[in-house]
N, C-alpha and C. Protein backbone atom coordinates (compact mmCIF):
# COMPACT_ATOMS: atom_id res chain seq x y z
N MET A 1 8.50 -90.04 41.88
CA MET A 1 9.74 -89.43 41.39
C MET A 1 10.01 -89.83 39.95
N ASP A 2 10.28 -88.84 39.21
CA ASP A 2 10.61 -89.20 37.69
C ASP A 2 11.80 -89.82 37.58
N THR A 3 12.05 -90.59 36.59
CA THR A 3 13.30 -91.15 36.36
C THR A 3 14.30 -90.21 35.85
N GLU A 4 15.35 -90.20 36.22
CA GLU A 4 16.44 -89.26 35.86
C GLU A 4 17.55 -90.12 35.15
N TYR A 5 18.30 -89.32 34.24
CA TYR A 5 19.37 -89.88 33.28
C TYR A 5 20.66 -89.34 33.62
N LYS A 6 21.79 -89.86 33.27
CA LYS A 6 22.94 -89.25 33.18
C LYS A 6 23.77 -89.87 32.00
N ILE A 7 24.68 -89.09 31.44
CA ILE A 7 25.50 -89.71 30.31
C ILE A 7 27.03 -89.45 30.70
N ILE A 8 27.81 -90.30 29.96
CA ILE A 8 29.17 -89.95 29.98
C ILE A 8 29.43 -89.44 28.53
N GLY A 9 29.89 -88.19 28.52
CA GLY A 9 30.14 -87.48 27.20
C GLY A 9 31.09 -87.86 26.58
N GLY A 10 31.43 -87.32 25.25
CA GLY A 10 32.62 -87.78 24.48
C GLY A 10 33.93 -87.41 25.18
N ASP A 11 33.85 -86.48 26.04
CA ASP A 11 35.04 -85.89 26.80
C ASP A 11 35.21 -86.80 28.03
N GLY A 12 34.47 -87.67 28.35
CA GLY A 12 34.62 -88.48 29.54
C GLY A 12 33.97 -88.03 30.70
N ALA A 13 33.52 -86.83 30.62
CA ALA A 13 32.76 -86.17 31.81
C ALA A 13 31.24 -86.76 32.02
N GLU A 14 30.77 -86.70 33.13
CA GLU A 14 29.48 -87.12 33.48
C GLU A 14 28.63 -85.92 33.20
N TYR A 15 27.46 -86.11 32.56
CA TYR A 15 26.41 -84.89 32.51
C TYR A 15 25.13 -85.44 33.05
N GLY A 16 24.34 -84.64 33.76
CA GLY A 16 23.05 -84.82 34.30
C GLY A 16 23.03 -84.49 35.78
N PRO A 17 21.98 -84.91 36.38
CA PRO A 17 20.96 -85.65 35.87
C PRO A 17 19.90 -84.91 34.98
N ALA A 18 19.39 -85.63 33.96
CA ALA A 18 18.55 -84.83 32.90
C ALA A 18 17.23 -85.73 32.80
N SER A 19 16.13 -85.16 32.40
CA SER A 19 14.83 -85.88 32.21
C SER A 19 15.05 -86.58 30.85
N LEU A 20 14.00 -87.48 30.63
CA LEU A 20 13.90 -88.19 29.37
C LEU A 20 13.78 -87.25 28.18
N ASP A 21 12.92 -86.02 28.47
CA ASP A 21 12.87 -85.05 27.28
C ASP A 21 14.28 -84.56 27.04
N GLU A 22 15.08 -84.18 28.16
CA GLU A 22 16.43 -83.65 27.86
C GLU A 22 17.29 -84.51 27.21
N LEU A 23 17.26 -85.78 27.61
CA LEU A 23 18.07 -86.63 26.95
C LEU A 23 17.71 -86.97 25.33
N LYS A 24 16.49 -86.96 25.12
CA LYS A 24 16.00 -86.89 23.69
C LYS A 24 16.68 -85.73 23.03
N ASN A 25 16.52 -84.62 23.52
CA ASN A 25 17.13 -83.34 22.96
C ASN A 25 18.63 -83.56 22.77
N TRP A 26 19.29 -84.15 23.63
CA TRP A 26 20.69 -84.22 23.40
C TRP A 26 20.88 -85.27 22.33
N ILE A 27 20.17 -86.34 22.11
CA ILE A 27 20.16 -87.05 20.98
C ILE A 27 20.09 -86.32 19.64
N GLY A 28 19.08 -85.40 19.68
CA GLY A 28 18.79 -84.56 18.37
C GLY A 28 20.01 -83.63 18.19
N ASP A 29 20.62 -83.31 19.33
CA ASP A 29 21.74 -82.38 19.13
C ASP A 29 22.96 -82.97 18.66
N GLY A 30 23.11 -84.36 18.72
CA GLY A 30 24.18 -85.21 18.46
C GLY A 30 25.17 -85.28 19.56
N ARG A 31 24.71 -84.97 20.77
CA ARG A 31 25.53 -85.19 22.00
C ARG A 31 25.51 -86.72 22.59
N VAL A 32 24.42 -87.30 22.23
CA VAL A 32 24.14 -88.77 22.53
C VAL A 32 24.00 -89.70 21.35
N ALA A 33 24.73 -90.75 21.31
CA ALA A 33 24.72 -91.74 20.29
C ALA A 33 24.38 -93.10 20.89
N GLY A 34 24.06 -94.05 20.08
CA GLY A 34 23.68 -95.43 20.53
C GLY A 34 24.79 -96.05 21.54
N ALA A 35 25.92 -95.54 21.18
CA ALA A 35 27.10 -96.39 22.10
C ALA A 35 27.36 -95.25 23.50
N THR A 36 26.73 -94.24 23.52
CA THR A 36 27.00 -93.44 24.58
C THR A 36 26.46 -94.16 26.01
N GLN A 37 27.30 -94.04 26.86
CA GLN A 37 26.99 -94.73 28.24
C GLN A 37 25.81 -93.91 29.07
N VAL A 38 24.83 -94.57 29.38
CA VAL A 38 23.70 -93.88 29.90
C VAL A 38 23.43 -94.58 31.28
N TRP A 39 23.07 -93.75 32.22
CA TRP A 39 22.72 -94.29 33.62
C TRP A 39 21.27 -93.97 33.89
N ARG A 40 20.45 -94.80 34.27
CA ARG A 40 19.07 -94.66 34.54
C ARG A 40 18.82 -94.87 36.06
N SER A 41 18.02 -93.77 36.71
CA SER A 41 17.96 -93.81 38.10
C SER A 41 17.36 -95.04 38.76
N ASP A 42 16.43 -95.45 38.00
CA ASP A 42 15.54 -96.79 38.46
C ASP A 42 16.54 -98.05 38.38
N LEU A 43 17.45 -98.04 37.43
CA LEU A 43 18.27 -99.26 37.25
C LEU A 43 19.55 -99.23 37.98
N ALA A 44 20.19 -97.86 38.17
CA ALA A 44 21.37 -97.62 38.84
C ALA A 44 22.58 -98.37 38.18
N LEU A 45 22.45 -98.42 36.95
CA LEU A 45 23.68 -99.00 36.06
C LEU A 45 23.92 -98.33 34.98
N TRP A 46 25.13 -98.33 34.30
CA TRP A 46 25.42 -97.75 33.08
C TRP A 46 25.33 -98.79 31.96
N SER A 47 24.51 -98.36 30.82
CA SER A 47 24.51 -99.19 29.69
C SER A 47 24.43 -98.31 28.53
N PRO A 48 24.80 -98.90 27.24
CA PRO A 48 24.60 -98.03 26.06
C PRO A 48 23.31 -97.57 25.67
N ALA A 49 23.11 -96.31 25.32
CA ALA A 49 21.82 -95.79 25.13
C ALA A 49 20.94 -96.59 24.26
N ALA A 50 21.47 -97.42 23.17
CA ALA A 50 20.71 -98.17 22.29
C ALA A 50 20.13 -99.28 22.97
N ARG A 51 20.41 -99.48 24.33
CA ARG A 51 19.71 -100.59 25.02
C ARG A 51 18.50 -100.20 25.79
N TYR A 52 18.13 -98.91 25.85
CA TYR A 52 17.10 -98.19 26.37
C TYR A 52 15.99 -98.13 25.44
N ALA A 53 14.79 -98.87 25.68
CA ALA A 53 13.68 -98.75 24.71
C ALA A 53 13.16 -97.50 24.49
N GLU A 54 13.20 -96.53 25.49
CA GLU A 54 12.56 -95.23 25.44
C GLU A 54 13.47 -94.37 24.53
N LEU A 55 14.65 -94.82 24.19
CA LEU A 55 15.64 -93.89 23.32
C LEU A 55 15.58 -94.42 21.95
N GLN A 56 15.22 -95.56 21.75
CA GLN A 56 15.48 -96.10 20.38
C GLN A 56 14.97 -95.28 19.19
N GLN A 57 13.78 -94.70 19.45
CA GLN A 57 13.03 -94.07 18.30
C GLN A 57 13.86 -92.82 18.07
N ALA A 58 14.48 -91.96 19.12
CA ALA A 58 15.12 -90.81 18.98
C ALA A 58 16.30 -91.28 18.21
N LEU A 59 17.05 -92.38 18.67
CA LEU A 59 18.32 -92.85 18.05
C LEU A 59 18.07 -93.09 16.57
N ALA A 60 17.11 -93.71 16.19
CA ALA A 60 16.67 -94.06 14.88
C ALA A 60 16.55 -92.98 13.99
N ARG A 61 15.80 -91.94 14.53
CA ARG A 61 15.66 -90.61 13.84
C ARG A 61 17.07 -89.96 13.41
N LEU A 62 17.96 -90.07 14.58
CA LEU A 62 19.29 -89.42 14.36
C LEU A 62 19.94 -90.07 13.26
N HIS A 63 19.94 -91.51 13.30
CA HIS A 63 20.61 -92.31 12.33
C HIS A 63 20.08 -92.21 10.93
N ALA A 64 18.80 -92.02 10.78
CA ALA A 64 18.31 -91.73 9.62
C ALA A 64 18.67 -90.37 8.94
N SER A 65 18.87 -89.29 9.93
CA SER A 65 19.13 -88.00 9.47
C SER A 65 20.62 -87.89 8.94
N VAL A 66 21.53 -88.89 9.20
CA VAL A 66 22.92 -88.78 8.82
C VAL A 66 22.85 -89.43 7.41
N SER A 67 23.08 -88.80 6.26
CA SER A 67 23.39 -89.31 5.07
C SER A 67 24.64 -89.97 4.68
N PRO A 68 24.67 -90.86 3.78
CA PRO A 68 26.00 -91.53 3.50
C PRO A 68 26.97 -90.45 2.91
N ALA A 69 26.45 -89.34 2.30
CA ALA A 69 27.34 -88.41 1.70
C ALA A 69 27.92 -87.62 2.99
N THR A 70 27.19 -87.32 3.99
CA THR A 70 27.74 -86.63 5.12
C THR A 70 28.83 -87.53 5.84
N ILE A 71 28.54 -88.72 5.92
CA ILE A 71 29.49 -89.69 6.53
C ILE A 71 30.91 -89.56 5.71
N HIS A 72 30.69 -89.74 4.32
CA HIS A 72 31.64 -89.78 3.43
C HIS A 72 32.72 -88.44 3.42
N GLN A 73 31.97 -87.36 3.75
CA GLN A 73 32.70 -86.03 3.76
C GLN A 73 33.40 -85.96 4.94
N SER A 74 32.97 -86.67 6.09
CA SER A 74 33.82 -86.55 7.43
C SER A 74 34.98 -87.41 7.51
N LEU A 75 35.02 -88.43 6.53
CA LEU A 75 36.07 -89.16 6.47
C LEU A 75 37.26 -88.76 5.62
N ARG A 76 38.43 -88.94 6.06
CA ARG A 76 39.59 -88.59 5.23
C ARG A 76 40.59 -89.65 5.25
N ALA A 77 41.49 -89.76 4.28
CA ALA A 77 42.22 -90.80 4.14
C ALA A 77 43.47 -90.58 5.13
N ALA A 78 44.00 -91.69 5.79
CA ALA A 78 45.16 -91.60 6.83
C ALA A 78 46.42 -91.49 6.09
N GLY A 79 47.17 -90.81 6.59
CA GLY A 79 48.62 -90.61 5.81
C GLY A 79 49.44 -91.71 6.16
N PHE A 80 50.61 -91.87 5.59
CA PHE A 80 51.57 -92.97 5.90
C PHE A 80 51.86 -93.36 7.21
N TRP A 81 52.26 -92.41 8.13
CA TRP A 81 52.50 -92.67 9.45
C TRP A 81 51.40 -93.26 10.22
N PRO A 82 50.23 -92.80 10.25
CA PRO A 82 49.16 -93.49 10.91
C PRO A 82 48.86 -94.89 10.54
N ARG A 83 48.96 -95.06 9.15
CA ARG A 83 48.81 -96.46 8.64
C ARG A 83 49.87 -97.35 8.97
N LEU A 84 51.17 -96.92 9.05
CA LEU A 84 52.23 -97.85 9.46
C LEU A 84 52.03 -98.10 11.00
N GLY A 85 51.64 -96.92 11.63
CA GLY A 85 51.30 -97.39 13.28
C GLY A 85 50.36 -98.32 13.51
N ALA A 86 49.46 -98.36 12.63
CA ALA A 86 48.27 -99.40 12.74
C ALA A 86 48.62 -100.84 12.65
């Protein structure tokens, strides 16, 4: 039996089961990040994706493809009220 994976998406929903190749595609699509909770069938526990050796190379490629300029463009200054609430 092949190892199956599940993830908890950004919306809090569970997705899967998926194969390792599918999971790597999800990483490439930006659906899975290092902090995404992943369940692996042979371990039967949830851990961050970055803890799985078989995902680290795909996660590193994703991280390398995000330039600092892209990150800067996605950030915006918080207004007065959000800063006050913080």
